[in-house]
Every structure is written in structure tokens, then in C-alpha cells.
């Protein structure tokens, strides 16, 4: 699964299960540092940067933007096919497991 497929699966899940959420995929190739996905419920917005490993680098301006927004990295690990939620800068792993673990984390953050 590449990054576009990962983002598509993730966004489709939340749009289908929670149609009242406002979900955007930010696809601006000319502006660096904008997180890939935002999900808003009422006044609470969750900012996410999607990555697929191995192969994609994490850090730089994306780290700084996510830190300022209080966002997270969501990572699809191709081997062994798990999902991880990480804190920017420190890389602290908050969740690691299957797709349900990832979506459960997001649901908790948005108080769904």
C-alpha cells in the first residue's frame, strides 16, 4: 500500500462511519509542512501526517508544524503490516497495532 492508498482508506473509513465529521486531505505540492489530513468534530480538530514505511522520511518542517498544531504521524508499516501513531519530534509511539487500533486512537482524540 502506498501513501495515497493509505490516506484514501483512512479517510473513507471516517467519512463512512462518521458523516458529520469535516475531513480534508490537504494535497498541496507547493507548500511544505502542511499535514496530510485534518478531521474536525465541533471545535476539535485533529491534524495527521500519513507515512508508509519503509522508505518515507519523517522530520523537518513537518515535525515543527505538527508540534505547533498538536498533531501526530500515522504510519503504515509494510512489514509487518501494522499501524503506528507517533508524536512529532520525539517519535514516541502512542499506538501500534491493526487498523482498528489506529481508528480507535483517532476516535478517542475526537471523543467520538
PDB file of N, CA and C in Angstrom:
ATOM      1  N   UNK A   1       0.863  -1.172   0.000  1.00  0.00           N
ATOM      2  CA  UNK A   1       0.000   0.000   0.000  1.00  0.00           C
ATOM      3  C   UNK A   1       0.910   1.235   0.000  1.00  0.00           C
ATOM      4  N   UNK A   2       0.644   2.184  -0.912  1.00  0.00           N
ATOM      5  CA  UNK A   2       1.419   3.418  -0.916  1.00  0.00           C
ATOM      6  C   UNK A   2       0.705   4.480  -0.064  1.00  0.00           C
ATOM      7  N   UNK A   3       1.316   5.669   0.035  1.00  0.00           N
ATOM      8  CA  UNK A   3       0.751   6.700   0.910  1.00  0.00           C
ATOM      9  C   UNK A   3      -0.635   7.151   0.453  1.00  0.00           C
ATOM     10  N   UNK A   4      -0.831   7.314  -0.843  1.00  0.00           N
ATOM     11  CA  UNK A   4      -2.141   7.744  -1.348  1.00  0.00           C
ATOM     12  C   UNK A   4      -3.228   6.717  -1.020  1.00  0.00           C
ATOM     13  N   UNK A   5      -2.919   5.447  -1.151  1.00  0.00           N
ATOM     14  CA  UNK A   5      -3.879   4.386  -0.826  1.00  0.00           C
ATOM     15  C   UNK A   5      -4.178   4.367   0.671  1.00  0.00           C
ATOM     16  N   UNK A   6      -3.140   4.554   1.481  1.00  0.00           N
ATOM     17  CA  UNK A   6      -3.303   4.587   2.936  1.00  0.00           C
ATOM     18  C   UNK A   6      -4.218   5.745   3.332  1.00  0.00           C
ATOM     19  N   UNK A   7      -3.956   6.934   2.806  1.00  0.00           N
ATOM     20  CA  UNK A   7      -4.793   8.093   3.128  1.00  0.00           C
ATOM     21  C   UNK A   7      -6.221   7.866   2.648  1.00  0.00           C
ATOM     22  N   UNK A   8      -6.375   7.289   1.463  1.00  0.00           N
ATOM     23  CA  UNK A   8      -7.707   7.032   0.930  1.00  0.00           C
ATOM     24  C   UNK A   8      -8.503   6.077   1.814  1.00  0.00           C
ATOM     25  N   UNK A   9      -7.870   4.992   2.246  1.00  0.00           N
ATOM     26  CA  UNK A   9      -8.533   4.013   3.119  1.00  0.00           C
ATOM     27  C   UNK A   9      -8.932   4.666   4.441  1.00  0.00           C
ATOM     28  N   UNK A  10      -8.021   5.438   5.012  1.00  0.00           N
ATOM     29  CA  UNK A  10      -8.245   6.080   6.296  1.00  0.00           C
ATOM     30  C   UNK A  10      -9.410   7.075   6.215  1.00  0.00           C
ATOM     31  N   UNK A  11      -9.361   7.960   5.220  1.00  0.00           N
ATOM     32  CA  UNK A  11     -10.395   8.987   5.066  1.00  0.00           C
ATOM     33  C   UNK A  11     -11.751   8.350   4.742  1.00  0.00           C
ATOM     34  N   UNK A  12     -11.758   7.360   3.875  1.00  0.00           N
ATOM     35  CA  UNK A  12     -13.019   6.689   3.521  1.00  0.00           C
ATOM     36  C   UNK A  12     -13.671   6.062   4.751  1.00  0.00           C
ATOM     37  N   UNK A  13     -12.874   5.440   5.611  1.00  0.00           N
ATOM     38  CA  UNK A  13     -13.408   4.829   6.824  1.00  0.00           C
ATOM     39  C   UNK A  13     -14.146   5.873   7.667  1.00  0.00           C
ATOM     40  N   UNK A  14     -13.488   7.008   7.937  1.00  0.00           N
ATOM     41  CA  UNK A  14     -14.105   8.006   8.810  1.00  0.00           C
ATOM     42  C   UNK A  14     -15.269   8.736   8.148  1.00  0.00           C
ATOM     43  N   UNK A  15     -15.190   8.971   6.847  1.00  0.00           N
ATOM     44  CA  UNK A  15     -16.317   9.615   6.157  1.00  0.00           C
ATOM     45  C   UNK A  15     -17.545   8.712   6.143  1.00  0.00           C
ATOM     46  N   UNK A  16     -17.325   7.421   6.032  1.00  0.00           N
ATOM     47  CA  UNK A  16     -18.432   6.464   6.005  1.00  0.00           C
ATOM     48  C   UNK A  16     -19.030   6.271   7.390  1.00  0.00           C
ATOM     49  N   UNK A  17     -18.165   6.078   8.385  1.00  0.00           N
ATOM     50  CA  UNK A  17     -18.638   5.774   9.734  1.00  0.00           C
ATOM     51  C   UNK A  17     -19.182   7.004  10.467  1.00  0.00           C
ATOM     52  N   UNK A  18     -18.579   8.166  10.204  1.00  0.00           N
ATOM     53  CA  UNK A  18     -18.972   9.398  10.901  1.00  0.00           C
ATOM     54  C   UNK A  18     -19.202  10.519   9.869  1.00  0.00           C
ATOM     55  N   UNK A  19     -20.335  10.514   9.174  1.00  0.00           N
ATOM     56  CA  UNK A  19     -20.562  11.503   8.112  1.00  0.00           C
ATOM     57  C   UNK A  19     -20.639  12.950   8.603  1.00  0.00           C
ATOM     58  N   UNK A  20     -20.815  13.161   9.894  1.00  0.00           N
ATOM     59  CA  UNK A  20     -20.895  14.535  10.405  1.00  0.00           C
ATOM     60  C   UNK A  20     -19.521  15.183  10.575  1.00  0.00           C
ATOM     61  N   UNK A  21     -18.450  14.395  10.492  1.00  0.00           N
ATOM     62  CA  UNK A  21     -17.106  14.955  10.617  1.00  0.00           C
ATOM     63  C   UNK A  21     -16.743  15.755   9.373  1.00  0.00           C
ATOM     64  N   UNK A  22     -15.915  16.778   9.562  1.00  0.00           N
ATOM     65  CA  UNK A  22     -15.374  17.545   8.441  1.00  0.00           C
ATOM     66  C   UNK A  22     -13.945  17.042   8.231  1.00  0.00           C
ATOM     67  N   UNK A  23     -13.718  16.385   7.092  1.00  0.00           N
ATOM     68  CA  UNK A  23     -12.431  15.748   6.821  1.00  0.00           C
ATOM     69  C   UNK A  23     -11.857  16.313   5.526  1.00  0.00           C
ATOM     70  N   UNK A  24     -10.604  16.751   5.622  1.00  0.00           N
ATOM     71  CA  UNK A  24      -9.910  17.255   4.441  1.00  0.00           C
ATOM     72  C   UNK A  24      -8.600  16.500   4.246  1.00  0.00           C
ATOM     73  N   UNK A  25      -8.336  16.187   2.996  1.00  0.00           N
ATOM     74  CA  UNK A  25      -6.998  15.737   2.598  1.00  0.00           C
ATOM     75  C   UNK A  25      -6.321  16.955   1.993  1.00  0.00           C
ATOM     76  N   UNK A  26      -5.244  17.377   2.595  1.00  0.00           N
ATOM     77  CA  UNK A  26      -4.526  18.565   2.131  1.00  0.00           C
ATOM     78  C   UNK A  26      -3.458  18.116   1.131  1.00  0.00           C
ATOM     79  N   UNK A  27      -3.702  18.382  -0.134  1.00  0.00           N
ATOM     80  CA  UNK A  27      -2.848  17.886  -1.221  1.00  0.00           C
ATOM     81  C   UNK A  27      -2.158  19.040  -1.936  1.00  0.00           C
ATOM     82  N   UNK A  28      -1.386  19.834  -1.218  1.00  0.00           N
ATOM     83  CA  UNK A  28      -0.715  20.990  -1.811  1.00  0.00           C
ATOM     84  C   UNK A  28       0.764  20.671  -2.015  1.00  0.00           C
ATOM     85  N   UNK A  29       1.142  20.443  -3.251  1.00  0.00           N
ATOM     86  CA  UNK A  29       2.528  20.072  -3.533  1.00  0.00           C
ATOM     87  C   UNK A  29       3.475  21.268  -3.504  1.00  0.00           C
ATOM     88  N   UNK A  30       2.950  22.481  -3.413  1.00  0.00           N
ATOM     89  CA  UNK A  30       3.787  23.667  -3.459  1.00  0.00           C
ATOM     90  C   UNK A  30       4.055  24.285  -2.092  1.00  0.00           C
ATOM     91  N   UNK A  31       3.363  23.825  -1.058  1.00  0.00           N
ATOM     92  CA  UNK A  31       3.540  24.363   0.284  1.00  0.00           C
ATOM     93  C   UNK A  31       4.032  23.260   1.203  1.00  0.00           C
ATOM     94  N   UNK A  32       5.207  23.445   1.737  1.00  0.00           N
ATOM     95  CA  UNK A  32       5.810  22.421   2.606  1.00  0.00           C
ATOM     96  C   UNK A  32       5.241  22.502   4.018  1.00  0.00           C
ATOM     97  N   UNK A  33       5.130  21.355   4.645  1.00  0.00           N
ATOM     98  CA  UNK A  33       4.801  21.295   6.059  1.00  0.00           C
ATOM     99  C   UNK A  33       3.335  21.160   6.413  1.00  0.00           C
ATOM    100  N   UNK A  34       2.433  21.270   5.452  1.00  0.00           N
ATOM    101  CA  UNK A  34       1.009  21.137   5.770  1.00  0.00           C
ATOM    102  C   UNK A  34       0.703  19.658   6.002  1.00  0.00           C
ATOM    103  N   UNK A  35       0.095  19.316   7.146  1.00  0.00           N
ATOM    104  CA  UNK A  35      -0.255  17.910   7.381  1.00  0.00           C
ATOM    105  C   UNK A  35      -1.203  17.379   6.310  1.00  0.00           C
ATOM    106  N   UNK A  36      -1.161  16.080   6.077  1.00  0.00           N
ATOM    107  CA  UNK A  36      -1.938  15.443   5.017  1.00  0.00           C
ATOM    108  C   UNK A  36      -3.440  15.464   5.250  1.00  0.00           C
ATOM    109  N   UNK A  37      -3.855  15.318   6.513  1.00  0.00           N
ATOM    110  CA  UNK A  37      -5.276  15.124   6.819  1.00  0.00           C
ATOM    111  C   UNK A  37      -5.656  15.957   8.035  1.00  0.00           C
ATOM    112  N   UNK A  38      -6.838  16.584   7.972  1.00  0.00           N
ATOM    113  CA  UNK A  38      -7.423  17.190   9.169  1.00  0.00           C
ATOM    114  C   UNK A  38      -8.831  16.631   9.324  1.00  0.00           C
ATOM    115  N   UNK A  39      -9.189  16.364  10.575  1.00  0.00           N
ATOM    116  CA  UNK A  39     -10.526  15.862  10.892  1.00  0.00           C
ATOM    117  C   UNK A  39     -11.079  16.753  12.001  1.00  0.00           C
ATOM    118  N   UNK A  40     -12.249  17.327  11.743  1.00  0.00           N
ATOM    119  CA  UNK A  40     -12.838  18.240  12.717  1.00  0.00           C
ATOM    120  C   UNK A  40     -14.198  17.729  13.160  1.00  0.00           C
ATOM    121  N   UNK A  41     -14.387  17.786  14.459  1.00  0.00           N
ATOM    122  CA  UNK A  41     -15.686  17.484  15.081  1.00  0.00           C
ATOM    123  C   UNK A  41     -15.980  18.638  16.017  1.00  0.00           C
ATOM    124  N   UNK A  42     -17.007  19.391  15.727  1.00  0.00           N
ATOM    125  CA  UNK A  42     -17.376  20.566  16.509  1.00  0.00           C
ATOM    126  C   UNK A  42     -16.185  21.531  16.518  1.00  0.00           C
ATOM    127  N   UNK A  43     -15.612  21.819  17.683  1.00  0.00           N
ATOM    128  CA  UNK A  43     -14.483  22.746  17.754  1.00  0.00           C
ATOM    129  C   UNK A  43     -13.140  22.030  17.880  1.00  0.00           C
ATOM    130  N   UNK A  44     -13.122  20.721  17.799  1.00  0.00           N
ATOM    131  CA  UNK A  44     -11.895  19.944  17.976  1.00  0.00           C
ATOM    132  C   UNK A  44     -11.388  19.472  16.611  1.00  0.00           C
ATOM    133  N   UNK A  45     -10.127  19.826  16.285  1.00  0.00           N
ATOM    134  CA  UNK A  45      -9.517  19.395  15.029  1.00  0.00           C
ATOM    135  C   UNK A  45      -8.281  18.562  15.315  1.00  0.00           C
ATOM    136  N   UNK A  46      -8.173  17.454  14.609  1.00  0.00           N
ATOM    137  CA  UNK A  46      -7.026  16.556  14.720  1.00  0.00           C
ATOM    138  C   UNK A  46      -6.249  16.643  13.415  1.00  0.00           C
ATOM    139  N   UNK A  47      -4.949  16.920  13.511  1.00  0.00           N
ATOM    140  CA  UNK A  47      -4.067  17.039  12.361  1.00  0.00           C
ATOM    141  C   UNK A  47      -3.182  15.806  12.271  1.00  0.00           C
ATOM    142  N   UNK A  48      -3.106  15.219  11.062  1.00  0.00           N
ATOM    143  CA  UNK A  48      -2.371  13.972  10.883  1.00  0.00           C
ATOM    144  C   UNK A  48      -1.488  14.032   9.642  1.00  0.00           C
ATOM    145  N   UNK A  49      -0.296  13.491   9.768  1.00  0.00           N
ATOM    146  CA  UNK A  49       0.624  13.343   8.648  1.00  0.00           C
ATOM    147  C   UNK A  49       0.801  11.856   8.400  1.00  0.00           C
ATOM    148  N   UNK A  50       0.414  11.389   7.209  1.00  0.00           N
ATOM    149  CA  UNK A  50       0.481   9.959   6.881  1.00  0.00           C
ATOM    150  C   UNK A  50       1.831   9.615   6.269  1.00  0.00           C
ATOM    151  N   UNK A  51       2.351   8.465   6.673  1.00  0.00           N
ATOM    152  CA  UNK A  51       3.611   7.941   6.132  1.00  0.00           C
ATOM    153  C   UNK A  51       3.468   6.445   5.922  1.00  0.00           C
ATOM    154  N   UNK A  52       4.244   5.937   4.980  1.00  0.00           N
ATOM    155  CA  UNK A  52       4.320   4.500   4.744  1.00  0.00           C
ATOM    156  C   UNK A  52       5.790   4.114   4.852  1.00  0.00           C
ATOM    157  N   UNK A  53       6.082   3.094   5.640  1.00  0.00           N
ATOM    158  CA  UNK A  53       7.469   2.643   5.781  1.00  0.00           C
ATOM    159  C   UNK A  53       7.600   1.223   5.261  1.00  0.00           C
ATOM    160  N   UNK A  54       8.772   0.806   4.853  1.00  0.00           N
ATOM    161  CA  UNK A  54       9.976   1.621   4.833  1.00  0.00           C
ATOM    162  C   UNK A  54       9.974   2.576   3.653  1.00  0.00           C
ATOM    163  N   UNK A  55      10.802   3.606   3.744  1.00  0.00           N
ATOM    164  CA  UNK A  55      11.006   4.474   2.598  1.00  0.00           C
ATOM    165  C   UNK A  55      10.737   5.941   2.805  1.00  0.00           C
ATOM    166  N   UNK A  56       9.806   6.315   3.661  1.00  0.00           N
ATOM    167  CA  UNK A  56       9.489   7.731   3.803  1.00  0.00           C
ATOM    168  C   UNK A  56      10.183   8.329   5.016  1.00  0.00           C
ATOM    169  N   UNK A  57      10.704   9.528   4.813  1.00  0.00           N
ATOM    170  CA  UNK A  57      11.401  10.213   5.896  1.00  0.00           C
ATOM    171  C   UNK A  57      10.421  11.028   6.725  1.00  0.00           C
ATOM    172  N   UNK A  58      10.752  11.154   7.990  1.00  0.00           N
ATOM    173  CA  UNK A  58       9.952  11.930   8.930  1.00  0.00           C
ATOM    174  C   UNK A  58      10.861  13.008   9.499  1.00  0.00           C
ATOM    175  N   UNK A  59      10.327  14.208   9.657  1.00  0.00           N
ATOM    176  CA  UNK A  59      11.115  15.256  10.295  1.00  0.00           C
ATOM    177  C   UNK A  59      10.992  16.582   9.594  1.00  0.00           C
ATOM    178  N   UNK A  60      11.904  17.496   9.937  1.00  0.00           N
ATOM    179  CA  UNK A  60      11.957  18.806   9.320  1.00  0.00           C
ATOM    180  C   UNK A  60      10.746  19.661   9.620  1.00  0.00           C
ATOM    181  N   UNK A  61      10.299  20.360   8.592  1.00  0.00           N
ATOM    182  CA  UNK A  61       9.194  21.303   8.749  1.00  0.00           C
ATOM    183  C   UNK A  61       7.884  20.599   9.127  1.00  0.00           C
ATOM    184  N   UNK A  62       7.719  19.340   8.688  1.00  0.00           N
ATOM    185  CA  UNK A  62       6.506  18.606   9.070  1.00  0.00           C
ATOM    186  C   UNK A  62       6.469  18.385  10.579  1.00  0.00           C
ATOM    187  N   UNK A  63       7.613  18.058  11.165  1.00  0.00           N
ATOM    188  CA  UNK A  63       7.685  17.896  12.616  1.00  0.00           C
ATOM    189  C   UNK A  63       7.266  19.181  13.324  1.00  0.00           C
ATOM    190  N   UNK A  64       7.822  20.295  12.881  1.00  0.00           N
ATOM    191  CA  UNK A  64       7.541  21.578  13.525  1.00  0.00           C
ATOM    192  C   UNK A  64       6.063  21.954  13.390  1.00  0.00           C
ATOM    193  N   UNK A  65       5.508  21.785  12.207  1.00  0.00           N
ATOM    194  CA  UNK A  65       4.093  22.108  12.002  1.00  0.00           C
ATOM    195  C   UNK A  65       3.195  21.222  12.852  1.00  0.00           C
ATOM    196  N   UNK A  66       3.456  19.919  12.850  1.00  0.00           N
ATOM    197  CA  UNK A  66       2.644  19.004  13.667  1.00  0.00           C
ATOM    198  C   UNK A  66       2.760  19.343  15.153  1.00  0.00           C
ATOM    199  N   UNK A  67       3.966  19.678  15.592  1.00  0.00           N
ATOM    200  CA  UNK A  67       4.161  20.026  17.001  1.00  0.00           C
ATOM    201  C   UNK A  67       3.323  21.259  17.358  1.00  0.00           C
ATOM    202  N   UNK A  68       3.345  22.277  16.506  1.00  0.00           N
ATOM    203  CA  UNK A  68       2.581  23.503  16.765  1.00  0.00           C
ATOM    204  C   UNK A  68       1.076  23.260  16.754  1.00  0.00           C
ATOM    205  N   UNK A  69       0.632  22.352  15.892  1.00  0.00           N
ATOM    206  CA  UNK A  69      -0.802  22.056  15.783  1.00  0.00           C
ATOM    207  C   UNK A  69      -1.273  21.003  16.788  1.00  0.00           C
ATOM    208  N   UNK A  70      -0.332  20.344  17.455  1.00  0.00           N
ATOM    209  CA  UNK A  70      -0.697  19.249  18.355  1.00  0.00           C
ATOM    210  C   UNK A  70      -1.102  18.010  17.581  1.00  0.00           C
ATOM    211  N   UNK A  71      -0.513  17.822  16.397  1.00  0.00           N
ATOM    212  CA  UNK A  71      -0.865  16.695  15.537  1.00  0.00           C
ATOM    213  C   UNK A  71       0.025  15.484  15.737  1.00  0.00           C
ATOM    214  N   UNK A  72      -0.189  14.475  14.888  1.00  0.00           N
ATOM    215  CA  UNK A  72       0.512  13.199  15.014  1.00  0.00           C
ATOM    216  C   UNK A  72       0.884  12.647  13.639  1.00  0.00           C
ATOM    217  N   UNK A  73       1.885  11.792  13.635  1.00  0.00           N
ATOM    218  CA  UNK A  73       2.176  10.969  12.463  1.00  0.00           C
ATOM    219  C   UNK A  73       1.343   9.706  12.563  1.00  0.00           C
ATOM    220  N   UNK A  74       0.723   9.314  11.463  1.00  0.00           N
ATOM    221  CA  UNK A  74       0.109   7.995  11.382  1.00  0.00           C
ATOM    222  C   UNK A  74       0.894   7.229  10.322  1.00  0.00           C
ATOM    223  N   UNK A  75       1.374   6.070  10.687  1.00  0.00           N
ATOM    224  CA  UNK A  75       2.314   5.345   9.840  1.00  0.00           C
ATOM    225  C   UNK A  75       1.786   3.950   9.550  1.00  0.00           C
ATOM    226  N   UNK A  76       1.817   3.595   8.269  1.00  0.00           N
ATOM    227  CA  UNK A  76       1.535   2.215   7.882  1.00  0.00           C
ATOM    228  C   UNK A  76       2.881   1.532   7.680  1.00  0.00           C
ATOM    229  N   UNK A  77       3.146   0.512   8.482  1.00  0.00           N
ATOM    230  CA  UNK A  77       4.383  -0.259   8.402  1.00  0.00           C
ATOM    231  C   UNK A  77       4.129  -1.456   7.492  1.00  0.00           C
ATOM    232  N   UNK A  78       4.750  -1.457   6.302  1.00  0.00           N
ATOM    233  CA  UNK A  78       4.507  -2.532   5.346  1.00  0.00           C
ATOM    234  C   UNK A  78       4.961  -3.884   5.871  1.00  0.00           C
ATOM    235  N   UNK A  79       6.008  -3.885   6.646  1.00  0.00           N
ATOM    236  CA  UNK A  79       6.475  -5.129   7.269  1.00  0.00           C
ATOM    237  C   UNK A  79       6.588  -4.836   8.752  1.00  0.00           C
ATOM    238  N   UNK A  80       5.734  -5.346   9.579  1.00  0.00           N
ATOM    239  CA  UNK A  80       4.834  -6.489   9.490  1.00  0.00           C
ATOM    240  C   UNK A  80       3.371  -6.135   9.312  1.00  0.00           C
ATOM    241  N   UNK A  81       3.041  -5.132   8.512  1.00  0.00           N
ATOM    242  CA  UNK A  81       1.660  -4.718   8.250  1.00  0.00           C
ATOM    243  C   UNK A  81       0.916  -4.297   9.514  1.00  0.00           C
ATOM    244  N   UNK A  82       1.477  -3.283  10.144  1.00  0.00           N
ATOM    245  CA  UNK A  82       0.870  -2.702  11.336  1.00  0.00           C
ATOM    246  C   UNK A  82       0.749  -1.197  11.149  1.00  0.00           C
ATOM    247  N   UNK A  83       0.004  -0.574  12.030  1.00  0.00           N
ATOM    248  CA  UNK A  83      -0.196   0.870  12.013  1.00  0.00           C
ATOM    249  C   UNK A  83       0.354   1.447  13.308  1.00  0.00           C
ATOM    250  N   UNK A  84       0.966   2.627  13.203  1.00  0.00           N
ATOM    251  CA  UNK A  84       1.579   3.271  14.357  1.00  0.00           C
ATOM    252  C   UNK A  84       1.165   4.737  14.402  1.00  0.00           C
ATOM    253  N   UNK A  85       0.939   5.242  15.608  1.00  0.00           N
ATOM    254  CA  UNK A  85       0.722   6.674  15.824  1.00  0.00           C
ATOM    255  C   UNK A  85       1.908   7.176  16.629  1.00  0.00           C
ATOM    256  N   UNK A  86       2.583   8.219  16.110  1.00  0.00           N
ATOM    257  CA  UNK A  86       3.785   8.744  16.752  1.00  0.00           C
ATOM    258  C   UNK A  86       3.661  10.238  17.026  1.00  0.00           C
ATOM    259  N   UNK A  87       4.342  10.659  18.070  1.00  0.00           N
ATOM    260  CA  UNK A  87       4.430  12.071  18.426  1.00  0.00           C
ATOM    261  C   UNK A  87       5.545  12.703  17.586  1.00  0.00           C
ATOM    262  N   UNK A  88       5.314  13.884  17.015  1.00  0.00           N
ATOM    263  CA  UNK A  88       6.388  14.537  16.267  1.00  0.00           C
ATOM    264  C   UNK A  88       7.573  14.869  17.186  1.00  0.00           C
ATOM    265  N   UNK A  89       8.705  14.999  16.596  1.00  0.00           N
ATOM    266  CA  UNK A  89       9.985  15.304  17.252  1.00  0.00           C
ATOM    267  C   UNK A  89      10.514  14.154  18.081  1.00  0.00           C
ATOM    268  N   UNK A  90       9.756  13.674  19.055  1.00  0.00           N
ATOM    269  CA  UNK A  90      10.286  12.625  19.941  1.00  0.00           C
ATOM    270  C   UNK A  90      10.167  11.248  19.308  1.00  0.00           C
ATOM    271  N   UNK A  91       9.181  11.073  18.427  1.00  0.00           N
ATOM    272  CA  UNK A  91       8.957   9.763  17.833  1.00  0.00           C
ATOM    273  C   UNK A  91       8.303   8.774  18.785  1.00  0.00           C
ATOM    274  N   UNK A  92       7.866   9.266  19.941  1.00  0.00           N
ATOM    275  CA  UNK A  92       7.214   8.395  20.921  1.00  0.00           C
ATOM    276  C   UNK A  92       6.021   7.701  20.282  1.00  0.00           C
ATOM    277  N   UNK A  93       5.969   6.392  20.425  1.00  0.00           N
ATOM    278  CA  UNK A  93       4.872   5.603  19.864  1.00  0.00           C
ATOM    279  C   UNK A  93       3.719   5.589  20.863  1.00  0.00           C
ATOM    280  N   UNK A  94       2.557   6.076  20.426  1.00  0.00           N
ATOM    281  CA  UNK A  94       1.371   6.094  21.281  1.00  0.00           C
ATOM    282  C   UNK A  94       0.499   4.874  21.058  1.00  0.00           C
ATOM    283  N   UNK A  95       0.441   4.408  19.806  1.00  0.00           N
ATOM    284  CA  UNK A  95      -0.391   3.251  19.454  1.00  0.00           C
ATOM    285  C   UNK A  95       0.348   2.461  18.390  1.00  0.00           C
ATOM    286  N   UNK A  96       0.288   1.152  18.504  1.00  0.00           N
ATOM    287  CA  UNK A  96       0.807   0.288  17.447  1.00  0.00           C
ATOM    288  C   UNK A  96      -0.067  -0.947  17.396  1.00  0.00           C
ATOM    289  N   UNK A  97      -0.526  -1.286  16.192  1.00  0.00           N
ATOM    290  CA  UNK A  97      -1.391  -2.450  16.062  1.00  0.00           C
ATOM    291  C   UNK A  97      -2.064  -2.491  14.704  1.00  0.00           C
ATOM    292  N   UNK A  98      -3.278  -3.015  14.694  1.00  0.00           N
ATOM    293  CA  UNK A  98      -4.018  -3.142  13.436  1.00  0.00           C
ATOM    294  C   UNK A  98      -4.763  -1.841  13.117  1.00  0.00           C
ATOM    295  N   UNK A  99      -5.523  -1.843  12.008  1.00  0.00           N
ATOM    296  CA  UNK A  99      -6.249  -0.648  11.583  1.00  0.00           C
ATOM    297  C   UNK A  99      -7.249  -0.203  12.647  1.00  0.00           C
ATOM    298  N   UNK A 100      -7.851  -1.139  13.344  1.00  0.00           N
ATOM    299  CA  UNK A 100      -8.801  -0.798  14.406  1.00  0.00           C
ATOM    300  C   UNK A 100      -8.112  -0.031  15.544  1.00  0.00           C
ATOM    301  N   UNK A 101      -6.857  -0.355  15.815  1.00  0.00           N
ATOM    302  CA  UNK A 101      -6.097   0.370  16.841  1.00  0.00           C
ATOM    303  C   UNK A 101      -5.905   1.826  16.425  1.00  0.00           C
ATOM    304  N   UNK A 102      -5.568   2.022  15.159  1.00  0.00           N
ATOM    305  CA  UNK A 102      -5.378   3.372  14.628  1.00  0.00           C
ATOM    306  C   UNK A 102      -6.673   4.174  14.674  1.00  0.00           C
ATOM    307  N   UNK A 103      -7.750   3.601  14.179  1.00  0.00           N
ATOM    308  CA  UNK A 103      -9.018   4.317  14.161  1.00  0.00           C
ATOM    309  C   UNK A 103      -9.558   4.533  15.578  1.00  0.00           C
ATOM    310  N   UNK A 104      -9.258   3.624  16.477  1.00  0.00           N
ATOM    311  CA  UNK A 104      -9.648   3.792  17.876  1.00  0.00           C
ATOM    312  C   UNK A 104      -8.961   4.987  18.512  1.00  0.00           C
ATOM    313  N   UNK A 105      -7.677   5.181  18.210  1.00  0.00           N
ATOM    314  CA  UNK A 105      -6.940   6.330  18.715  1.00  0.00           C
ATOM    315  C   UNK A 105      -7.581   7.626  18.235  1.00  0.00           C
ATOM    316  N   UNK A 106      -7.874   7.698  16.937  1.00  0.00           N
ATOM    317  CA  UNK A 106      -8.476   8.898  16.365  1.00  0.00           C
ATOM    318  C   UNK A 106      -9.851   9.143  16.984  1.00  0.00           C
ATOM    319  N   UNK A 107     -10.638   8.098  17.134  1.00  0.00           N
ATOM    320  CA  UNK A 107     -11.975   8.227  17.744  1.00  0.00           C
ATOM    321  C   UNK A 107     -11.874   8.776  19.161  1.00  0.00           C
ATOM    322  N   UNK A 108     -10.888   8.312  19.907  1.00  0.00           N
ATOM    323  CA  UNK A 108     -10.689   8.793  21.281  1.00  0.00           C
ATOM    324  C   UNK A 108     -10.292  10.267  21.278  1.00  0.00           C
ATOM    325  N   UNK A 109      -9.373  10.656  20.397  1.00  0.00           N
ATOM    326  CA  UNK A 109      -8.939  12.055  20.328  1.00  0.00           C
ATOM    327  C   UNK A 109     -10.094  12.993  20.023  1.00  0.00           C
ATOM    328  N   UNK A 110     -11.000  12.554  19.163  1.00  0.00           N
ATOM    329  CA  UNK A 110     -12.139  13.389  18.759  1.00  0.00           C
ATOM    330  C   UNK A 110     -13.364  13.172  19.635  1.00  0.00           C
ATOM    331  N   UNK A 111     -13.233  12.316  20.631  1.00  0.00           N
ATOM    332  CA  UNK A 111     -14.328  11.996  21.549  1.00  0.00           C
ATOM    333  C   UNK A 111     -15.565  11.546  20.811  1.00  0.00           C
ATOM    334  N   UNK A 112     -15.375  10.576  19.901  1.00  0.00           N
ATOM    335  CA  UNK A 112     -16.498  10.032  19.106  1.00  0.00           C
ATOM    336  C   UNK A 112     -17.207   8.927  19.865  1.00  0.00           C
TER     337      UNK A 112
END
